[in-house]
Amino acid sequence: MIGVFHVFMWYFLLVLYMGQIKGVFGTYEPITYKTGCTLWGTFFIIAGAFIIRVTKHPTRSGIICTLIINVFCIMTTIIAIILTIIELSNFKSVSYRNYGQAKLGREVSRILLFFYPLEFSIALAYSICSCCNLFQRHEDDATSLPQEAESTF
């Protein structure tokens, strides 16, 4: 759900920044907009789909894929936090015509900055649970082999 929210925020920023008028001081194009930082929410949508699939049909390879995607989401979140902080700390003058749009875009970045720790904690929690599940399955497999050997004698 958070990933969908981020994709909608990216679309909102796209419409907002595309409507700027080139003024004396230029247009406001933040680094998070240029990198498509809010569009990275699609990674969280994909990770959520993998988590749902692994919950319904748990396999070792599915758990490993989910773990890899969640670690990638953690790295993505950390990069997005750093880029957003850089964006909010630097503000160049823009044309008075684009000032309202730039201010609104910065407010959207502040809102998204509150959601990044939530994304980080969710991905971290699922990564920890995936690791625990993976090790539990490994221990169950290791204990079942000697039991099968004993039962054959």
N, C-alpha and C. Protein backbone atom coordinates (compact mmCIF):
# COMPACT_ATOMS: atom_id res chain seq x y z
N MET A 1 0.82 -1.18 0.00
CA MET A 1 0.00 0.00 0.00
C MET A 1 0.87 1.26 0.00
N ILE A 2 1.98 1.18 0.72
CA ILE A 2 2.88 2.34 0.75
C ILE A 2 3.52 2.53 -0.63
N GLY A 3 3.82 1.44 -1.30
CA GLY A 3 4.40 1.53 -2.64
C GLY A 3 3.45 2.20 -3.62
N VAL A 4 2.18 1.88 -3.53
CA VAL A 4 1.17 2.51 -4.39
C VAL A 4 1.09 4.00 -4.08
N PHE A 5 1.15 4.35 -2.79
CA PHE A 5 1.13 5.76 -2.39
C PHE A 5 2.32 6.50 -3.00
N HIS A 6 3.50 5.89 -2.99
CA HIS A 6 4.68 6.53 -3.56
C HIS A 6 4.56 6.71 -5.07
N VAL A 7 3.99 5.73 -5.74
CA VAL A 7 3.81 5.86 -7.19
C VAL A 7 2.83 7.00 -7.50
N PHE A 8 1.77 7.12 -6.73
CA PHE A 8 0.84 8.23 -6.94
C PHE A 8 1.48 9.58 -6.64
N MET A 9 2.34 9.62 -5.64
CA MET A 9 3.05 10.87 -5.34
C MET A 9 3.99 11.23 -6.48
N TRP A 10 4.62 10.23 -7.10
CA TRP A 10 5.48 10.50 -8.24
C TRP A 10 4.67 11.09 -9.39
N TYR A 11 3.49 10.53 -9.62
CA TYR A 11 2.63 11.05 -10.68
C TYR A 11 2.22 12.50 -10.37
N PHE A 12 1.90 12.76 -9.10
CA PHE A 12 1.55 14.12 -8.70
C PHE A 12 2.71 15.07 -8.94
N LEU A 13 3.92 14.66 -8.58
CA LEU A 13 5.09 15.51 -8.82
C LEU A 13 5.36 15.70 -10.30
N LEU A 14 5.11 14.65 -11.08
CA LEU A 14 5.29 14.75 -12.53
C LEU A 14 4.38 15.83 -13.09
N VAL A 15 3.10 15.80 -12.72
CA VAL A 15 2.15 16.81 -13.21
C VAL A 15 2.53 18.19 -12.69
N LEU A 16 2.98 18.24 -11.43
CA LEU A 16 3.33 19.52 -10.81
C LEU A 16 4.53 20.16 -11.49
N TYR A 17 5.59 19.39 -11.72
CA TYR A 17 6.81 19.97 -12.27
C TYR A 17 6.74 20.15 -13.79
N MET A 18 5.89 19.40 -14.46
CA MET A 18 5.75 19.58 -15.90
C MET A 18 5.03 20.89 -16.22
N GLY A 19 4.26 21.40 -15.28
CA GLY A 19 3.51 22.62 -15.51
C GLY A 19 4.28 23.89 -15.19
N GLN A 20 5.56 23.78 -14.89
CA GLN A 20 6.34 24.97 -14.56
C GLN A 20 6.61 25.82 -15.79
N ILE A 21 6.68 27.10 -15.56
CA ILE A 21 6.99 28.05 -16.62
C ILE A 21 8.45 28.45 -16.48
N LYS A 22 9.19 28.42 -17.57
CA LYS A 22 10.60 28.78 -17.50
C LYS A 22 10.72 30.27 -17.25
N GLY A 23 11.24 30.59 -16.08
CA GLY A 23 11.37 31.99 -15.69
C GLY A 23 12.81 32.44 -15.70
N VAL A 24 13.04 33.59 -15.08
CA VAL A 24 14.37 34.17 -15.04
C VAL A 24 15.33 33.25 -14.28
N PHE A 25 14.87 32.71 -13.15
CA PHE A 25 15.73 31.86 -12.33
C PHE A 25 15.62 30.39 -12.70
N GLY A 26 14.82 30.05 -13.67
CA GLY A 26 14.71 28.67 -14.11
C GLY A 26 13.60 27.92 -13.40
N THR A 27 13.60 26.63 -13.63
CA THR A 27 12.57 25.78 -13.04
C THR A 27 13.18 24.98 -11.89
N TYR A 28 12.32 24.47 -11.06
CA TYR A 28 12.75 23.68 -9.90
C TYR A 28 12.66 22.21 -10.26
N GLU A 29 13.81 21.55 -10.33
CA GLU A 29 13.87 20.13 -10.62
C GLU A 29 14.74 19.47 -9.56
N PRO A 30 14.13 18.96 -8.51
CA PRO A 30 14.91 18.37 -7.43
C PRO A 30 15.54 17.04 -7.82
N ILE A 31 16.53 16.64 -7.06
CA ILE A 31 17.27 15.41 -7.37
C ILE A 31 16.38 14.18 -7.23
N THR A 32 15.43 14.21 -6.30
CA THR A 32 14.55 13.05 -6.14
C THR A 32 13.60 12.91 -7.33
N TYR A 33 13.25 14.02 -7.95
CA TYR A 33 12.40 13.97 -9.13
C TYR A 33 13.19 13.47 -10.33
N LYS A 34 14.43 13.92 -10.47
CA LYS A 34 15.25 13.51 -11.60
C LYS A 34 15.58 12.02 -11.55
N THR A 35 15.77 11.49 -10.35
CA THR A 35 16.10 10.07 -10.21
C THR A 35 14.86 9.18 -10.16
N GLY A 36 13.69 9.78 -10.07
CA GLY A 36 12.47 8.98 -9.98
C GLY A 36 12.35 8.27 -8.65
N CYS A 37 12.81 8.93 -7.61
CA CYS A 37 12.90 8.33 -6.28
C CYS A 37 11.56 7.79 -5.78
N THR A 38 10.50 8.53 -5.99
CA THR A 38 9.20 8.05 -5.52
C THR A 38 8.66 6.93 -6.40
N LEU A 39 9.17 6.84 -7.61
CA LEU A 39 8.76 5.74 -8.49
C LEU A 39 9.36 4.41 -8.03
N TRP A 40 10.35 4.48 -7.14
CA TRP A 40 10.94 3.26 -6.60
C TRP A 40 9.96 2.51 -5.73
N GLY A 41 8.80 3.08 -5.47
CA GLY A 41 7.76 2.39 -4.72
C GLY A 41 7.30 1.12 -5.41
N THR A 42 7.57 1.01 -6.69
CA THR A 42 7.22 -0.23 -7.40
C THR A 42 8.00 -1.43 -6.84
N PHE A 43 9.21 -1.18 -6.31
CA PHE A 43 9.96 -2.27 -5.69
C PHE A 43 9.22 -2.82 -4.48
N PHE A 44 8.56 -1.94 -3.74
CA PHE A 44 7.82 -2.38 -2.56
C PHE A 44 6.55 -3.12 -2.95
N ILE A 45 5.97 -2.73 -4.06
CA ILE A 45 4.80 -3.46 -4.57
C ILE A 45 5.21 -4.88 -4.98
N ILE A 46 6.34 -4.99 -5.68
CA ILE A 46 6.84 -6.31 -6.08
C ILE A 46 7.21 -7.15 -4.86
N ALA A 47 7.85 -6.53 -3.88
CA ALA A 47 8.22 -7.25 -2.66
C ALA A 47 6.97 -7.75 -1.93
N GLY A 48 5.94 -6.92 -1.88
CA GLY A 48 4.69 -7.35 -1.25
C GLY A 48 4.05 -8.52 -1.97
N ALA A 49 4.11 -8.51 -3.29
CA ALA A 49 3.56 -9.64 -4.05
C ALA A 49 4.34 -10.92 -3.78
N PHE A 50 5.67 -10.80 -3.69
CA PHE A 50 6.48 -11.97 -3.38
C PHE A 50 6.19 -12.49 -1.97
N ILE A 51 6.00 -11.59 -1.03
CA ILE A 51 5.71 -12.00 0.35
C ILE A 51 4.39 -12.76 0.41
N ILE A 52 3.39 -12.26 -0.30
CA ILE A 52 2.09 -12.94 -0.32
C ILE A 52 2.23 -14.32 -0.95
N ARG A 53 2.99 -14.42 -2.02
CA ARG A 53 3.17 -15.72 -2.68
C ARG A 53 3.90 -16.70 -1.78
N VAL A 54 4.94 -16.24 -1.10
CA VAL A 54 5.70 -17.13 -0.22
C VAL A 54 4.87 -17.54 0.98
N THR A 55 3.99 -16.67 1.43
CA THR A 55 3.11 -17.02 2.55
C THR A 55 2.15 -18.13 2.16
N LYS A 56 1.63 -18.07 0.96
CA LYS A 56 0.69 -19.09 0.50
C LYS A 56 1.38 -20.38 0.08
N HIS A 57 2.52 -20.27 -0.58
CA HIS A 57 3.25 -21.44 -1.08
C HIS A 57 4.72 -21.31 -0.68
N PRO A 58 5.06 -21.66 0.58
CA PRO A 58 6.45 -21.49 1.02
C PRO A 58 7.40 -22.53 0.41
N THR A 59 8.39 -22.03 -0.26
CA THR A 59 9.47 -22.87 -0.78
C THR A 59 10.78 -22.21 -0.41
N ARG A 60 11.83 -22.97 -0.41
CA ARG A 60 13.15 -22.43 -0.04
C ARG A 60 13.58 -21.34 -1.03
N SER A 61 13.40 -21.58 -2.31
CA SER A 61 13.80 -20.58 -3.31
C SER A 61 12.93 -19.33 -3.23
N GLY A 62 11.66 -19.51 -2.92
CA GLY A 62 10.77 -18.34 -2.77
C GLY A 62 11.17 -17.49 -1.58
N ILE A 63 11.55 -18.14 -0.49
CA ILE A 63 11.98 -17.40 0.70
C ILE A 63 13.27 -16.65 0.42
N ILE A 64 14.18 -17.27 -0.31
CA ILE A 64 15.45 -16.61 -0.64
C ILE A 64 15.20 -15.42 -1.57
N CYS A 65 14.32 -15.57 -2.56
CA CYS A 65 13.99 -14.44 -3.45
C CYS A 65 13.35 -13.29 -2.69
N THR A 66 12.45 -13.63 -1.76
CA THR A 66 11.80 -12.60 -0.96
C THR A 66 12.82 -11.88 -0.09
N LEU A 67 13.74 -12.64 0.48
CA LEU A 67 14.79 -12.04 1.30
C LEU A 67 15.65 -11.09 0.47
N ILE A 68 16.03 -11.50 -0.72
CA ILE A 68 16.85 -10.64 -1.59
C ILE A 68 16.10 -9.37 -1.97
N ILE A 69 14.84 -9.49 -2.30
CA ILE A 69 14.06 -8.31 -2.68
C ILE A 69 13.89 -7.37 -1.49
N ASN A 70 13.68 -7.92 -0.30
CA ASN A 70 13.54 -7.07 0.88
C ASN A 70 14.84 -6.36 1.24
N VAL A 71 15.97 -7.02 1.06
CA VAL A 71 17.26 -6.36 1.29
C VAL A 71 17.45 -5.25 0.26
N PHE A 72 17.06 -5.50 -0.98
CA PHE A 72 17.12 -4.46 -2.01
C PHE A 72 16.21 -3.28 -1.65
N CYS A 73 15.04 -3.56 -1.09
CA CYS A 73 14.13 -2.49 -0.66
C CYS A 73 14.73 -1.69 0.48
N ILE A 74 15.45 -2.34 1.38
CA ILE A 74 16.12 -1.62 2.47
C ILE A 74 17.17 -0.67 1.91
N MET A 75 17.96 -1.15 0.96
CA MET A 75 18.98 -0.29 0.35
C MET A 75 18.33 0.86 -0.41
N THR A 76 17.25 0.58 -1.10
CA THR A 76 16.53 1.62 -1.84
C THR A 76 15.99 2.68 -0.89
N THR A 77 15.48 2.27 0.23
CA THR A 77 14.94 3.21 1.21
C THR A 77 16.04 4.10 1.78
N ILE A 78 17.19 3.51 2.08
CA ILE A 78 18.30 4.30 2.61
C ILE A 78 18.75 5.33 1.58
N ILE A 79 18.85 4.93 0.32
CA ILE A 79 19.24 5.88 -0.74
C ILE A 79 18.20 6.98 -0.89
N ALA A 80 16.91 6.62 -0.82
CA ALA A 80 15.84 7.61 -0.95
C ALA A 80 15.88 8.60 0.21
N ILE A 81 16.17 8.14 1.41
CA ILE A 81 16.27 9.04 2.56
C ILE A 81 17.42 10.02 2.35
N ILE A 82 18.55 9.52 1.91
CA ILE A 82 19.72 10.40 1.70
C ILE A 82 19.42 11.43 0.61
N LEU A 83 18.83 11.00 -0.51
CA LEU A 83 18.51 11.94 -1.59
C LEU A 83 17.49 12.99 -1.15
N THR A 84 16.50 12.58 -0.37
CA THR A 84 15.49 13.52 0.08
C THR A 84 16.07 14.54 1.05
N ILE A 85 16.96 14.10 1.93
CA ILE A 85 17.60 15.04 2.86
C ILE A 85 18.47 16.02 2.09
N ILE A 86 19.19 15.53 1.08
CA ILE A 86 20.00 16.43 0.24
C ILE A 86 19.10 17.44 -0.46
N GLU A 87 17.97 16.96 -0.98
CA GLU A 87 17.04 17.87 -1.67
C GLU A 87 16.49 18.94 -0.73
N LEU A 88 16.11 18.54 0.46
CA LEU A 88 15.50 19.49 1.39
C LEU A 88 16.53 20.46 1.99
N SER A 89 17.79 20.06 2.01
CA SER A 89 18.81 20.95 2.57
C SER A 89 19.29 21.99 1.56
N ASN A 90 19.14 21.73 0.28
CA ASN A 90 19.55 22.67 -0.77
C ASN A 90 18.32 23.21 -1.47
N PHE A 91 18.21 24.54 -1.53
CA PHE A 91 17.10 25.13 -2.24
C PHE A 91 17.60 26.35 -2.99
N LYS A 92 17.69 26.21 -4.31
CA LYS A 92 18.12 27.31 -5.15
C LYS A 92 16.93 28.19 -5.47
N SER A 93 17.20 29.44 -5.76
CA SER A 93 16.12 30.36 -6.11
C SER A 93 15.48 29.94 -7.42
N VAL A 94 14.17 30.05 -7.45
CA VAL A 94 13.44 29.76 -8.68
C VAL A 94 12.64 31.00 -9.05
N SER A 95 12.10 30.98 -10.22
CA SER A 95 11.28 32.07 -10.69
C SER A 95 10.07 32.23 -9.77
N TYR A 96 9.62 33.45 -9.58
CA TYR A 96 8.47 33.69 -8.70
C TYR A 96 7.23 32.97 -9.21
N ARG A 97 7.19 32.69 -10.49
CA ARG A 97 6.05 31.97 -11.06
C ARG A 97 6.05 30.50 -10.62
N ASN A 98 7.24 29.94 -10.40
CA ASN A 98 7.36 28.53 -10.04
C ASN A 98 7.56 28.31 -8.54
N TYR A 99 7.58 29.38 -7.76
CA TYR A 99 7.87 29.24 -6.34
C TYR A 99 6.81 28.40 -5.62
N GLY A 100 5.54 28.60 -5.96
CA GLY A 100 4.48 27.83 -5.32
C GLY A 100 4.58 26.35 -5.63
N GLN A 101 4.91 26.05 -6.87
CA GLN A 101 5.06 24.64 -7.25
C GLN A 101 6.28 24.02 -6.56
N ALA A 102 7.35 24.78 -6.47
CA ALA A 102 8.55 24.27 -5.80
C ALA A 102 8.28 24.04 -4.31
N LYS A 103 7.57 24.97 -3.70
CA LYS A 103 7.25 24.83 -2.27
C LYS A 103 6.35 23.61 -2.04
N LEU A 104 5.36 23.43 -2.90
CA LEU A 104 4.47 22.27 -2.78
C LEU A 104 5.23 20.97 -3.01
N GLY A 105 6.15 20.96 -3.97
CA GLY A 105 6.97 19.78 -4.21
C GLY A 105 7.85 19.44 -3.03
N ARG A 106 8.37 20.46 -2.36
CA ARG A 106 9.19 20.23 -1.17
C ARG A 106 8.34 19.69 -0.02
N GLU A 107 7.10 20.11 0.07
CA GLU A 107 6.20 19.57 1.10
C GLU A 107 5.91 18.10 0.83
N VAL A 108 5.73 17.75 -0.43
CA VAL A 108 5.53 16.34 -0.78
C VAL A 108 6.77 15.53 -0.37
N SER A 109 7.95 16.08 -0.60
CA SER A 109 9.18 15.39 -0.20
C SER A 109 9.24 15.22 1.31
N ARG A 110 8.78 16.21 2.06
CA ARG A 110 8.75 16.08 3.52
C ARG A 110 7.77 14.99 3.96
N ILE A 111 6.65 14.92 3.29
CA ILE A 111 5.67 13.86 3.61
C ILE A 111 6.27 12.49 3.32
N LEU A 112 6.92 12.38 2.17
CA LEU A 112 7.53 11.10 1.82
C LEU A 112 8.66 10.73 2.76
N LEU A 113 9.34 11.74 3.30
CA LEU A 113 10.43 11.48 4.24
C LEU A 113 9.92 10.81 5.51
N PHE A 114 8.67 11.05 5.87
CA PHE A 114 8.08 10.37 7.03
C PHE A 114 7.74 8.91 6.71
N PHE A 115 7.49 8.60 5.46
CA PHE A 115 7.12 7.24 5.09
C PHE A 115 8.33 6.33 4.86
N TYR A 116 9.49 6.90 4.58
CA TYR A 116 10.67 6.07 4.34
C TYR A 116 11.07 5.22 5.55
N PRO A 117 11.07 5.77 6.77
CA PRO A 117 11.38 4.88 7.92
C PRO A 117 10.36 3.76 8.09
N LEU A 118 9.11 4.03 7.74
CA LEU A 118 8.10 2.98 7.81
C LEU A 118 8.42 1.87 6.81
N GLU A 119 8.77 2.25 5.60
CA GLU A 119 9.15 1.26 4.59
C GLU A 119 10.38 0.48 5.03
N PHE A 120 11.34 1.20 5.60
CA PHE A 120 12.56 0.56 6.07
C PHE A 120 12.25 -0.49 7.15
N SER A 121 11.41 -0.10 8.11
CA SER A 121 11.10 -1.03 9.20
C SER A 121 10.30 -2.24 8.71
N ILE A 122 9.39 -2.03 7.78
CA ILE A 122 8.62 -3.17 7.24
C ILE A 122 9.53 -4.12 6.48
N ALA A 123 10.40 -3.59 5.63
CA ALA A 123 11.31 -4.45 4.86
C ALA A 123 12.29 -5.15 5.79
N LEU A 124 12.75 -4.46 6.84
CA LEU A 124 13.67 -5.08 7.78
C LEU A 124 12.98 -6.20 8.56
N ALA A 125 11.74 -5.96 8.99
CA ALA A 125 11.01 -6.99 9.73
C ALA A 125 10.78 -8.23 8.86
N TYR A 126 10.39 -8.04 7.62
CA TYR A 126 10.19 -9.18 6.73
C TYR A 126 11.51 -9.88 6.41
N SER A 127 12.60 -9.13 6.33
CA SER A 127 13.89 -9.76 6.09
C SER A 127 14.30 -10.63 7.27
N ILE A 128 14.09 -10.11 8.47
CA ILE A 128 14.42 -10.89 9.67
C ILE A 128 13.55 -12.14 9.74
N CYS A 129 12.26 -11.98 9.47
CA CYS A 129 11.36 -13.15 9.48
C CYS A 129 11.74 -14.16 8.40
N SER A 130 12.15 -13.67 7.24
CA SER A 130 12.57 -14.58 6.17
C SER A 130 13.82 -15.35 6.56
N CYS A 131 14.78 -14.64 7.20
CA CYS A 131 15.99 -15.33 7.65
C CYS A 131 15.65 -16.39 8.70
N CYS A 132 14.80 -16.04 9.65
CA CYS A 132 14.41 -17.00 10.68
C CYS A 132 13.71 -18.20 10.06
N ASN A 133 12.82 -17.96 9.12
CA ASN A 133 12.10 -19.04 8.45
C ASN A 133 13.06 -19.91 7.64
N LEU A 134 14.02 -19.27 7.01
CA LEU A 134 15.00 -20.00 6.21
C LEU A 134 15.86 -20.90 7.10
N PHE A 135 16.33 -20.37 8.23
CA PHE A 135 17.15 -21.17 9.14
C PHE A 135 16.33 -22.26 9.82
N GLN A 136 15.06 -21.96 10.11
CA GLN A 136 14.19 -22.96 10.72
C GLN A 136 13.97 -24.13 9.75
N ARG A 137 13.75 -23.82 8.49
CA ARG A 137 13.57 -24.88 7.49
C ARG A 137 14.87 -25.68 7.33
N HIS A 138 16.01 -25.00 7.41
CA HIS A 138 17.30 -25.68 7.29
C HIS A 138 17.50 -26.63 8.47
N GLU A 139 17.15 -26.19 9.69
CA GLU A 139 17.28 -27.04 10.87
C GLU A 139 16.29 -28.21 10.81
N ASP A 140 15.08 -27.96 10.32
CA ASP A 140 14.10 -29.04 10.19
C ASP A 140 14.58 -30.09 9.19
N ASP A 141 15.18 -29.64 8.11
CA ASP A 141 15.71 -30.58 7.12
C ASP A 141 16.87 -31.39 7.70
N ALA A 142 17.72 -30.71 8.50
CA ALA A 142 18.87 -31.39 9.08
C ALA A 142 18.44 -32.42 10.13
N THR A 143 17.38 -32.13 10.90
CA THR A 143 16.93 -33.09 11.92
C THR A 143 16.10 -34.21 11.32
N SER A 144 15.46 -33.98 10.19
CA SER A 144 14.65 -35.01 9.59
C SER A 144 15.47 -36.11 8.92
N LEU A 145 16.67 -35.79 8.44
CA LEU A 145 17.53 -36.80 7.81
C LEU A 145 17.96 -37.90 8.79
N PRO A 146 18.47 -37.57 9.98
CA PRO A 146 18.82 -38.64 10.91
C PRO A 146 17.61 -39.44 11.38
N GLN A 147 16.47 -38.79 11.52
CA GLN A 147 15.28 -39.50 11.94
C GLN A 147 14.84 -40.50 10.86
N GLU A 148 14.97 -40.12 9.60
CA GLU A 148 14.62 -41.03 8.51
C GLU A 148 15.59 -42.19 8.46
N ALA A 149 16.87 -41.91 8.74
CA ALA A 149 17.87 -42.98 8.74
C ALA A 149 17.60 -43.97 9.87
N GLU A 150 17.22 -43.47 11.05
CA GLU A 150 16.93 -44.33 12.19
C GLU A 150 15.68 -45.15 11.94
N SER A 151 14.70 -44.58 11.28
CA SER A 151 13.45 -45.29 11.05
C SER A 151 13.62 -46.42 10.04
N THR A 152 14.62 -46.33 9.17
CA THR A 152 14.83 -47.41 8.20
C THR A 152 15.48 -48.62 8.83
N PHE A 153 16.18 -48.45 9.96
CA PHE A 153 16.81 -49.61 10.64
C PHE A 153 15.80 -50.24 11.49
